[in-house]
Amino acid sequence: MKVNYISEPVEGYHKELDACHSLFDLRVFVDKWKWLASDAFEVAQAMTTEDWPIFRKGLKSERRGRYA
């Protein structure tokens, strides 16, 4: 994807992030989007399967406007 002043990559990013149903899916997702969010790529690579439900819960909470 070429990003310029009229690009809106965030919508696609959010839709694909929401479609992740496992840590494996998340890692595939962040590999695709690492050009936009390299920090997310590094974090996802370090996550464990035990981190996955905590991540999903935190993501849902943030989407509702509640932050840690």
C-alpha atoms as a PDB file:
ATOM      1  CA  MET A   1       0.000   0.000   0.000  1.00  0.00           C
ATOM      2  CA  LYS A   2       1.332   3.413  -0.917  1.00  0.00           C
ATOM      3  CA  VAL A   3       0.592   5.954   1.796  1.00  0.00           C
ATOM      4  CA  ASN A   4       0.126   9.617   0.975  1.00  0.00           C
ATOM      5  CA  TYR A   5      -1.819  12.574   2.370  1.00  0.00           C
ATOM      6  CA  ILE A   6      -5.203  11.092   1.400  1.00  0.00           C
ATOM      7  CA  SER A   7      -4.492   7.509   2.505  1.00  0.00           C
ATOM      8  CA  GLU A   8      -6.478   5.928   5.308  1.00  0.00           C
ATOM      9  CA  PRO A   9      -4.652   2.700   6.206  1.00  0.00           C
ATOM     10  CA  VAL A  10      -6.055   2.645   9.748  1.00  0.00           C
ATOM     11  CA  GLU A  11      -9.445   1.244   8.739  1.00  0.00           C
ATOM     12  CA  GLY A  12      -7.887  -1.746   6.979  1.00  0.00           C
ATOM     13  CA  TYR A  13      -5.462  -2.210   9.850  1.00  0.00           C
ATOM     14  CA  HIS A  14      -8.283  -2.350  12.409  1.00  0.00           C
ATOM     15  CA  LYS A  15     -10.394  -4.753  10.346  1.00  0.00           C
ATOM     16  CA  GLU A  16      -7.523  -7.155   9.868  1.00  0.00           C
ATOM     17  CA  LEU A  17      -6.474  -6.895  13.521  1.00  0.00           C
ATOM     18  CA  ASP A  18     -10.024  -7.746  14.601  1.00  0.00           C
ATOM     19  CA  ALA A  19      -9.937 -10.791  12.319  1.00  0.00           C
ATOM     20  CA  CYS A  20      -6.989 -12.301  14.217  1.00  0.00           C
ATOM     21  CA  HIS A  21      -8.185 -15.277  16.246  1.00  0.00           C
ATOM     22  CA  SER A  22      -4.843 -16.600  17.450  1.00  0.00           C
ATOM     23  CA  LEU A  23      -1.303 -15.549  18.188  1.00  0.00           C
ATOM     24  CA  PHE A  24      -0.275 -17.090  14.876  1.00  0.00           C
ATOM     25  CA  ASP A  25      -2.852 -14.910  13.063  1.00  0.00           C
ATOM     26  CA  LEU A  26      -1.542 -11.862  14.909  1.00  0.00           C
ATOM     27  CA  ARG A  27       2.025 -12.599  13.872  1.00  0.00           C
ATOM     28  CA  VAL A  28       1.016 -12.991  10.230  1.00  0.00           C
ATOM     29  CA  PHE A  29      -0.947  -9.742  10.484  1.00  0.00           C
ATOM     30  CA  VAL A  30       1.876  -7.691  12.014  1.00  0.00           C
ATOM     31  CA  ASP A  31       4.337  -9.087   9.495  1.00  0.00           C
ATOM     32  CA  LYS A  32       2.114  -7.689   6.734  1.00  0.00           C
ATOM     33  CA  TRP A  33       1.715  -4.318   8.490  1.00  0.00           C
ATOM     34  CA  LYS A  34       5.219  -3.904   9.966  1.00  0.00           C
ATOM     35  CA  TRP A  35       5.878  -1.070   7.502  1.00  0.00           C
ATOM     36  CA  LEU A  36       3.265   0.906   9.450  1.00  0.00           C
ATOM     37  CA  ALA A  37       3.747  -0.449  12.967  1.00  0.00           C
ATOM     38  CA  SER A  38       7.214  -1.911  13.416  1.00  0.00           C
ATOM     39  CA  ASP A  39       6.863  -1.759  17.206  1.00  0.00           C
ATOM     40  CA  ALA A  40       3.809  -4.049  17.022  1.00  0.00           C
ATOM     41  CA  PHE A  41       5.847  -6.551  15.003  1.00  0.00           C
ATOM     42  CA  GLU A  42       8.506  -6.737  17.716  1.00  0.00           C
ATOM     43  CA  VAL A  43       5.929  -7.114  20.495  1.00  0.00           C
ATOM     44  CA  ALA A  44       3.961  -9.838  18.680  1.00  0.00           C
ATOM     45  CA  GLN A  45       7.130 -11.852  18.117  1.00  0.00           C
ATOM     46  CA  ALA A  46       7.858 -11.744  21.862  1.00  0.00           C
ATOM     47  CA  MET A  47       4.312 -12.700  22.928  1.00  0.00           C
ATOM     48  CA  THR A  48       3.457 -16.168  24.223  1.00  0.00           C
ATOM     49  CA  THR A  49       0.211 -18.108  23.917  1.00  0.00           C
ATOM     50  CA  GLU A  50      -0.530 -17.113  27.519  1.00  0.00           C
ATOM     51  CA  ASP A  51      -0.353 -13.454  26.469  1.00  0.00           C
ATOM     52  CA  TRP A  52      -2.969 -13.864  23.708  1.00  0.00           C
ATOM     53  CA  PRO A  53      -6.167 -13.698  25.836  1.00  0.00           C
ATOM     54  CA  ILE A  54      -4.756 -10.779  27.812  1.00  0.00           C
ATOM     55  CA  PHE A  55      -3.977  -8.949  24.580  1.00  0.00           C
ATOM     56  CA  ARG A  56      -7.493  -9.543  23.200  1.00  0.00           C
ATOM     57  CA  LYS A  57      -9.103  -8.358  26.431  1.00  0.00           C
ATOM     58  CA  GLY A  58      -6.957  -5.215  26.435  1.00  0.00           C
ATOM     59  CA  LEU A  59      -7.719  -4.498  22.784  1.00  0.00           C
ATOM     60  CA  LYS A  60     -11.467  -4.757  23.388  1.00  0.00           C
ATOM     61  CA  SER A  61     -11.161  -2.506  26.423  1.00  0.00           C
ATOM     62  CA  GLU A  62      -9.220   0.133  24.453  1.00  0.00           C
ATOM     63  CA  ARG A  63     -11.804   0.066  21.683  1.00  0.00           C
ATOM     64  CA  ARG A  64     -14.405   0.958  24.328  1.00  0.00           C
ATOM     65  CA  GLY A  65     -12.290   3.895  25.477  1.00  0.00           C
ATOM     66  CA  ARG A  66     -10.947   2.253  28.625  1.00  0.00           C
ATOM     67  CA  TYR A  67      -7.178   2.242  28.924  1.00  0.00           C
ATOM     68  CA  ALA A  68      -4.879   0.516  31.384  1.00  0.00           C
END
